[in-house]
Amino acid sequence: MLADDHAVVREGLALVLGMTEGVDVVGVADDVEAALRVVAECRPDVVVLDLRMPGGSTLAALPRFAQLAPHTAIVILTMHRQASSARAALAAGAQGYVLKEAAGAELVQAVRLAHAGRTYLAPQLGADVVAGADRGPDGLAPRELAVLRLLALGHTNPEIGARLHLSPRTVESYRARIQQKTARGSRAELVRYALDHELFDPQAA
């Protein structure tokens, strides 16, 4: 099953996969909610999902796909090359992460591996994903990432401290380190940075 909000992309992917022996395209969708409905109806072996579609966060919806069809494997197809995006997708339950620029033979391989219960990661991202497994972009540590996400969602230092069990002064120290590492000074710049690196879902604000 294919889910992408661009008809031309869906048609191209359907053509590529439809010409592949042993692969049948059983459904298409153009947003997250439509994809969930088609999955519930068709129970496909593999779903190829665009990372960014109307109707909400694709990553946030992955648990819903798993509930509807526990045996359906998910392959993410995207233009986003950030290693952090790939890590987030795999952590959320995706079995594959393919870049649109390389879609074709790589997508077919990813679909076959996902169907076999294995994982596929775009080769262009492999080293970055492994190297930064415990850190975010620009070397942000896990606690710094947590502070940045909450800052981006509009929380104040005391609110962040209460959520993370830190003092406001400690939160301010984390914020200063984040600003130094990212070379971003204002809250607006930090929000833009978090969005650009897909560190949080703006719909959760």
C-alpha atoms as a PDB file:
ATOM      1  CA  MET A   1       0.000   0.000   0.000  1.00  0.00           C
ATOM      2  CA  LEU A   2       1.311   3.474  -0.924  1.00  0.00           C
ATOM      3  CA  ALA A   3       0.704   6.745   0.922  1.00  0.00           C
ATOM      4  CA  ASP A   4       1.971  10.043  -0.490  1.00  0.00           C
ATOM      5  CA  ASP A   5       0.194  13.377  -0.908  1.00  0.00           C
ATOM      6  CA  HIS A   6       1.540  13.889  -4.455  1.00  0.00           C
ATOM      7  CA  ALA A   7      -0.383  12.001  -7.146  1.00  0.00           C
ATOM      8  CA  VAL A   8       2.595  11.952  -9.521  1.00  0.00           C
ATOM      9  CA  VAL A   9       4.768  10.336  -6.849  1.00  0.00           C
ATOM     10  CA  ARG A  10       2.101   7.732  -6.053  1.00  0.00           C
ATOM     11  CA  GLU A  11       1.725   6.867  -9.714  1.00  0.00           C
ATOM     12  CA  GLY A  12       5.480   6.543 -10.164  1.00  0.00           C
ATOM     13  CA  LEU A  13       5.869   4.344  -7.117  1.00  0.00           C
ATOM     14  CA  ALA A  14       2.914   2.185  -8.150  1.00  0.00           C
ATOM     15  CA  LEU A  15       4.540   1.702 -11.548  1.00  0.00           C
ATOM     16  CA  VAL A  16       7.907   0.724 -10.046  1.00  0.00           C
ATOM     17  CA  LEU A  17       6.440  -1.695  -7.504  1.00  0.00           C
ATOM     18  CA  GLY A  18       3.799  -3.030  -9.879  1.00  0.00           C
ATOM     19  CA  MET A  19       6.530  -4.138 -12.277  1.00  0.00           C
ATOM     20  CA  THR A  20       8.297  -6.029  -9.493  1.00  0.00           C
ATOM     21  CA  GLU A  21       7.731  -9.755  -9.365  1.00  0.00           C
ATOM     22  CA  GLY A  22       5.808 -10.820  -6.299  1.00  0.00           C
ATOM     23  CA  VAL A  23       4.685  -7.285  -5.401  1.00  0.00           C
ATOM     24  CA  ASP A  24       1.116  -6.022  -5.858  1.00  0.00           C
ATOM     25  CA  VAL A  25      -0.081  -2.526  -4.961  1.00  0.00           C
ATOM     26  CA  VAL A  26      -3.385  -3.066  -3.139  1.00  0.00           C
ATOM     27  CA  GLY A  27      -4.202   0.513  -2.158  1.00  0.00           C
ATOM     28  CA  VAL A  28      -3.155   4.167  -2.156  1.00  0.00           C
ATOM     29  CA  ALA A  29      -3.778   7.165   0.102  1.00  0.00           C
ATOM     30  CA  ASP A  30      -2.934  10.863   0.107  1.00  0.00           C
ATOM     31  CA  ASP A  31      -2.908  11.675   3.832  1.00  0.00           C
ATOM     32  CA  VAL A  32      -2.411  10.010   7.201  1.00  0.00           C
ATOM     33  CA  GLU A  33      -6.059   9.351   8.030  1.00  0.00           C
ATOM     34  CA  ALA A  34      -6.771   7.918   4.572  1.00  0.00           C
ATOM     35  CA  ALA A  35      -3.718   5.687   4.936  1.00  0.00           C
ATOM     36  CA  LEU A  36      -5.040   4.374   8.249  1.00  0.00           C
ATOM     37  CA  ARG A  37      -8.416   3.606   6.681  1.00  0.00           C
ATOM     38  CA  VAL A  38      -6.861   1.759   3.735  1.00  0.00           C
ATOM     39  CA  VAL A  39      -4.601  -0.242   6.041  1.00  0.00           C
ATOM     40  CA  ALA A  40      -7.594  -1.230   8.168  1.00  0.00           C
ATOM     41  CA  GLU A  41      -9.438  -2.395   5.037  1.00  0.00           C
ATOM     42  CA  CYS A  42      -6.618  -4.088   3.117  1.00  0.00           C
ATOM     43  CA  ARG A  43      -4.236  -5.279   5.863  1.00  0.00           C
ATOM     44  CA  PRO A  44      -1.275  -5.028   3.450  1.00  0.00           C
ATOM     45  CA  ASP A  45       2.026  -6.794   4.100  1.00  0.00           C
ATOM     46  CA  VAL A  46       3.958  -3.539   3.691  1.00  0.00           C
ATOM     47  CA  VAL A  47       3.011   0.151   3.755  1.00  0.00           C
ATOM     48  CA  VAL A  48       5.203   2.755   2.044  1.00  0.00           C
ATOM     49  CA  LEU A  49       4.583   6.050   3.862  1.00  0.00           C
ATOM     50  CA  ASP A  50       5.699   9.566   3.039  1.00  0.00           C
ATOM     51  CA  LEU A  51       7.213  11.130   6.157  1.00  0.00           C
ATOM     52  CA  ARG A  52       5.334  14.404   5.683  1.00  0.00           C
ATOM     53  CA  MET A  53       1.670  14.291   4.685  1.00  0.00           C
ATOM     54  CA  PRO A  54      -1.487  16.224   5.563  1.00  0.00           C
ATOM     55  CA  GLY A  55      -3.541  14.938   8.447  1.00  0.00           C
ATOM     56  CA  GLY A  56      -0.981  14.888  11.231  1.00  0.00           C
ATOM     57  CA  SER A  57       2.443  13.523  11.998  1.00  0.00           C
ATOM     58  CA  THR A  58       3.308  10.316  10.168  1.00  0.00           C
ATOM     59  CA  LEU A  59       5.679   9.259  12.941  1.00  0.00           C
ATOM     60  CA  ALA A  60       3.093   9.932  15.635  1.00  0.00           C
ATOM     61  CA  ALA A  61       0.639   7.756  13.697  1.00  0.00           C
ATOM     62  CA  LEU A  62       2.920   4.701  13.481  1.00  0.00           C
ATOM     63  CA  PRO A  63       1.558   3.139  16.709  1.00  0.00           C
ATOM     64  CA  ARG A  64      -1.959   3.443  15.239  1.00  0.00           C
ATOM     65  CA  PHE A  65      -0.848   1.539  12.143  1.00  0.00           C
ATOM     66  CA  ALA A  66       0.611  -1.140  14.423  1.00  0.00           C
ATOM     67  CA  GLN A  67      -2.681  -1.433  16.329  1.00  0.00           C
ATOM     68  CA  LEU A  68      -4.749  -1.697  13.151  1.00  0.00           C
ATOM     69  CA  ALA A  69      -2.485  -4.194  11.412  1.00  0.00           C
ATOM     70  CA  PRO A  70       0.174  -5.682  13.724  1.00  0.00           C
ATOM     71  CA  HIS A  71       1.732  -7.732  10.939  1.00  0.00           C
ATOM     72  CA  THR A  72       2.045  -4.841   8.477  1.00  0.00           C
ATOM     73  CA  ALA A  73       5.600  -3.548   8.020  1.00  0.00           C
ATOM     74  CA  ILE A  74       6.233   0.171   7.534  1.00  0.00           C
ATOM     75  CA  VAL A  75       8.741   1.690   5.089  1.00  0.00           C
ATOM     76  CA  ILE A  76       9.248   5.450   5.284  1.00  0.00           C
ATOM     77  CA  LEU A  77       9.929   7.217   1.976  1.00  0.00           C
ATOM     78  CA  THR A  78      11.123  10.797   2.335  1.00  0.00           C
ATOM     79  CA  MET A  79      13.235  13.680   1.062  1.00  0.00           C
ATOM     80  CA  HIS A  80      14.598  14.313   4.559  1.00  0.00           C
ATOM     81  CA  ARG A  81      18.234  13.291   4.880  1.00  0.00           C
ATOM     82  CA  GLN A  82      18.672  14.083   8.586  1.00  0.00           C
ATOM     83  CA  ALA A  83      20.002  11.136  10.546  1.00  0.00           C
ATOM     84  CA  SER A  84      17.802  12.253  13.446  1.00  0.00           C
ATOM     85  CA  SER A  85      14.701  11.720  11.274  1.00  0.00           C
ATOM     86  CA  ALA A  86      15.808   8.208  10.367  1.00  0.00           C
ATOM     87  CA  ARG A  87      16.519   7.349  14.000  1.00  0.00           C
ATOM     88  CA  ALA A  88      13.110   8.690  15.048  1.00  0.00           C
ATOM     89  CA  ALA A  89      11.345   6.678  12.339  1.00  0.00           C
ATOM     90  CA  LEU A  90      13.096   3.428  13.223  1.00  0.00           C
ATOM     91  CA  ALA A  91      12.542   4.032  16.945  1.00  0.00           C
ATOM     92  CA  ALA A  92       8.826   4.580  16.264  1.00  0.00           C
ATOM     93  CA  GLY A  93       8.526   1.188  14.601  1.00  0.00           C
ATOM     94  CA  ALA A  94       9.365   1.664  10.917  1.00  0.00           C
ATOM     95  CA  GLN A  95      11.277  -1.185   9.262  1.00  0.00           C
ATOM     96  CA  GLY A  96      12.694   0.907   6.443  1.00  0.00           C
ATOM     97  CA  TYR A  97      13.862   4.445   5.671  1.00  0.00           C
ATOM     98  CA  VAL A  98      14.367   5.275   1.988  1.00  0.00           C
ATOM     99  CA  LEU A  99      15.241   8.613   0.382  1.00  0.00           C
ATOM    100  CA  LYS A 100      13.024   9.675  -2.507  1.00  0.00           C
ATOM    101  CA  GLU A 101      16.076  10.617  -4.549  1.00  0.00           C
ATOM    102  CA  ALA A 102      17.067   6.940  -4.545  1.00  0.00           C
ATOM    103  CA  ALA A 103      13.581   5.435  -4.864  1.00  0.00           C
ATOM    104  CA  GLY A 104      13.471   2.557  -7.317  1.00  0.00           C
ATOM    105  CA  ALA A 105      15.725  -0.409  -6.736  1.00  0.00           C
ATOM    106  CA  GLU A 106      16.318   0.721  -3.137  1.00  0.00           C
ATOM    107  CA  LEU A 107      12.591   0.968  -2.451  1.00  0.00           C
ATOM    108  CA  VAL A 108      11.997  -2.502  -3.853  1.00  0.00           C
ATOM    109  CA  GLN A 109      14.820  -3.831  -1.667  1.00  0.00           C
ATOM    110  CA  ALA A 110      13.412  -2.050   1.389  1.00  0.00           C
ATOM    111  CA  VAL A 111       9.926  -3.464   0.756  1.00  0.00           C
ATOM    112  CA  ARG A 112      11.270  -7.000   0.379  1.00  0.00           C
ATOM    113  CA  LEU A 113      13.393  -6.739   3.538  1.00  0.00           C
ATOM    114  CA  ALA A 114      10.539  -5.228   5.550  1.00  0.00           C
ATOM    115  CA  HIS A 115       8.253  -8.047   4.416  1.00  0.00           C
ATOM    116  CA  ALA A 116      10.890 -10.515   5.604  1.00  0.00           C
ATOM    117  CA  GLY A 117      11.022  -8.843   9.019  1.00  0.00           C
ATOM    118  CA  ARG A 118      14.336  -7.110   8.418  1.00  0.00           C
ATOM    119  CA  THR A 119      15.342  -3.444   8.458  1.00  0.00           C
ATOM    120  CA  TYR A 120      16.495  -1.236   5.594  1.00  0.00           C
ATOM    121  CA  LEU A 121      18.256   2.102   6.088  1.00  0.00           C
ATOM    122  CA  ALA A 122      19.280   4.374   3.226  1.00  0.00           C
ATOM    123  CA  PRO A 123      23.038   3.799   2.745  1.00  0.00           C
ATOM    124  CA  GLN A 124      23.612   7.558   2.568  1.00  0.00           C
ATOM    125  CA  LEU A 125      22.499   7.851   6.205  1.00  0.00           C
ATOM    126  CA  GLY A 126      23.899   4.670   7.723  1.00  0.00           C
ATOM    127  CA  ALA A 127      27.137   6.064   9.123  1.00  0.00           C
ATOM    128  CA  ASP A 128      25.480   9.221  10.460  1.00  0.00           C
ATOM    129  CA  VAL A 129      22.728   7.244  12.180  1.00  0.00           C
ATOM    130  CA  VAL A 130      25.224   4.939  13.889  1.00  0.00           C
ATOM    131  CA  ALA A 131      27.640   7.739  14.793  1.00  0.00           C
ATOM    132  CA  GLY A 132      24.939   9.874  16.361  1.00  0.00           C
ATOM    133  CA  ALA A 133      22.872   7.150  17.941  1.00  0.00           C
ATOM    134  CA  ASP A 134      23.103   8.705  21.388  1.00  0.00           C
ATOM    135  CA  ARG A 135      23.180  12.349  20.342  1.00  0.00           C
ATOM    136  CA  GLY A 136      21.182  14.751  18.248  1.00  0.00           C
ATOM    137  CA  PRO A 137      22.306  17.255  15.610  1.00  0.00           C
ATOM    138  CA  ASP A 138      25.347  19.378  16.482  1.00  0.00           C
ATOM    139  CA  GLY A 139      26.198  16.941  19.258  1.00  0.00           C
ATOM    140  CA  LEU A 140      23.189  17.771  21.434  1.00  0.00           C
ATOM    141  CA  ALA A 141      23.020  15.383  24.377  1.00  0.00           C
ATOM    142  CA  PRO A 142      19.732  13.602  25.232  1.00  0.00           C
ATOM    143  CA  ARG A 143      18.901  15.980  28.095  1.00  0.00           C
ATOM    144  CA  GLU A 144      19.718  18.994  25.901  1.00  0.00           C
ATOM    145  CA  LEU A 145      17.368  17.607  23.246  1.00  0.00           C
ATOM    146  CA  ALA A 146      14.624  17.222  25.845  1.00  0.00           C
ATOM    147  CA  VAL A 147      15.061  20.840  26.966  1.00  0.00           C
ATOM    148  CA  LEU A 148      15.125  22.072  23.369  1.00  0.00           C
ATOM    149  CA  ARG A 149      11.909  20.221  22.501  1.00  0.00           C
ATOM    150  CA  LEU A 150      10.096  21.764  25.455  1.00  0.00           C
ATOM    151  CA  LEU A 151      11.488  25.223  24.648  1.00  0.00           C
ATOM    152  CA  ALA A 152      10.270  24.839  21.083  1.00  0.00           C
ATOM    153  CA  LEU A 153       6.815  23.883  22.358  1.00  0.00           C
ATOM    154  CA  GLY A 154       6.659  27.180  24.253  1.00  0.00           C
ATOM    155  CA  HIS A 155       7.338  26.079  27.833  1.00  0.00           C
ATOM    156  CA  THR A 156       9.042  28.439  30.277  1.00  0.00           C
ATOM    157  CA  ASN A 157      12.197  27.532  32.192  1.00  0.00           C
ATOM    158  CA  PRO A 158      10.228  26.760  35.407  1.00  0.00           C
ATOM    159  CA  GLU A 159       7.776  24.588  33.433  1.00  0.00           C
ATOM    160  CA  ILE A 160      10.631  22.711  31.801  1.00  0.00           C
ATOM    161  CA  GLY A 161      12.301  22.273  35.161  1.00  0.00           C
ATOM    162  CA  ALA A 162       9.109  20.835  36.647  1.00  0.00           C
ATOM    163  CA  ARG A 163       8.729  18.375  33.773  1.00  0.00           C
ATOM    164  CA  LEU A 164      12.372  17.248  33.797  1.00  0.00           C
ATOM    165  CA  HIS A 165      12.928  17.536  37.561  1.00  0.00           C
ATOM    166  CA  LEU A 166      15.522  20.287  37.138  1.00  0.00           C
ATOM    167  CA  SER A 167      15.909  23.680  38.758  1.00  0.00           C
ATOM    168  CA  PRO A 168      15.180  26.731  36.557  1.00  0.00           C
ATOM    169  CA  ARG A 169      18.852  27.689  36.860  1.00  0.00           C
ATOM    170  CA  THR A 170      19.918  24.279  35.553  1.00  0.00           C
ATOM    171  CA  VAL A 171      17.465  24.627  32.670  1.00  0.00           C
ATOM    172  CA  GLU A 172      19.013  28.005  31.865  1.00  0.00           C
ATOM    173  CA  SER A 173      22.459  26.368  31.799  1.00  0.00           C
ATOM    174  CA  TYR A 174      21.178  23.728  29.366  1.00  0.00           C
ATOM    175  CA  ARG A 175      19.626  26.455  27.232  1.00  0.00           C
ATOM    176  CA  ALA A 176      22.932  28.332  27.097  1.00  0.00           C
ATOM    177  CA  ARG A 177      24.754  25.171  25.968  1.00  0.00           C
ATOM    178  CA  ILE A 178      22.073  24.513  23.357  1.00  0.00           C
ATOM    179  CA  GLN A 179      22.416  28.049  22.009  1.00  0.00           C
ATOM    180  CA  GLN A 180      26.197  27.680  21.861  1.00  0.00           C
ATOM    181  CA  LYS A 181      26.107  24.298  20.077  1.00  0.00           C
ATOM    182  CA  THR A 182      23.424  25.301  17.584  1.00  0.00           C
ATOM    183  CA  ALA A 183      24.596  28.889  17.063  1.00  0.00           C
ATOM    184  CA  ARG A 184      21.012  30.039  17.642  1.00  0.00           C
ATOM    185  CA  GLY A 185      20.303  32.851  20.077  1.00  0.00           C
ATOM    186  CA  SER A 186      16.596  33.604  20.305  1.00  0.00           C
ATOM    187  CA  ARG A 187      13.667  31.340  21.117  1.00  0.00           C
ATOM    188  CA  ALA A 188      12.331  31.861  17.574  1.00  0.00           C
ATOM    189  CA  GLU A 189      15.642  30.655  16.139  1.00  0.00           C
ATOM    190  CA  LEU A 190      15.609  27.619  18.422  1.00  0.00           C
ATOM    191  CA  VAL A 191      12.046  26.789  17.349  1.00  0.00           C
ATOM    192  CA  ARG A 192      13.098  27.044  13.693  1.00  0.00           C
ATOM    193  CA  TYR A 193      16.122  24.833  14.407  1.00  0.00           C
ATOM    194  CA  ALA A 194      13.959  22.201  16.118  1.00  0.00           C
ATOM    195  CA  LEU A 195      11.516  22.236  13.198  1.00  0.00           C
ATOM    196  CA  ASP A 196      14.256  22.005  10.584  1.00  0.00           C
ATOM    197  CA  HIS A 197      15.745  18.992  12.357  1.00  0.00           C
ATOM    198  CA  GLU A 198      12.343  17.412  13.068  1.00  0.00           C
ATOM    199  CA  LEU A 199      13.002  17.272  16.796  1.00  0.00           C
ATOM    200  CA  PHE A 200       9.366  17.745  17.783  1.00  0.00           C
ATOM    201  CA  ASP A 201       5.849  17.687  16.400  1.00  0.00           C
ATOM    202  CA  PRO A 202       4.460  21.252  16.201  1.00  0.00           C
ATOM    203  CA  GLN A 203       0.941  19.835  16.420  1.00  0.00           C
ATOM    204  CA  ALA A 204       1.744  18.778  19.970  1.00  0.00           C
ATOM    205  CA  ALA A 205       2.076  22.420  21.007  1.00  0.00           C
END
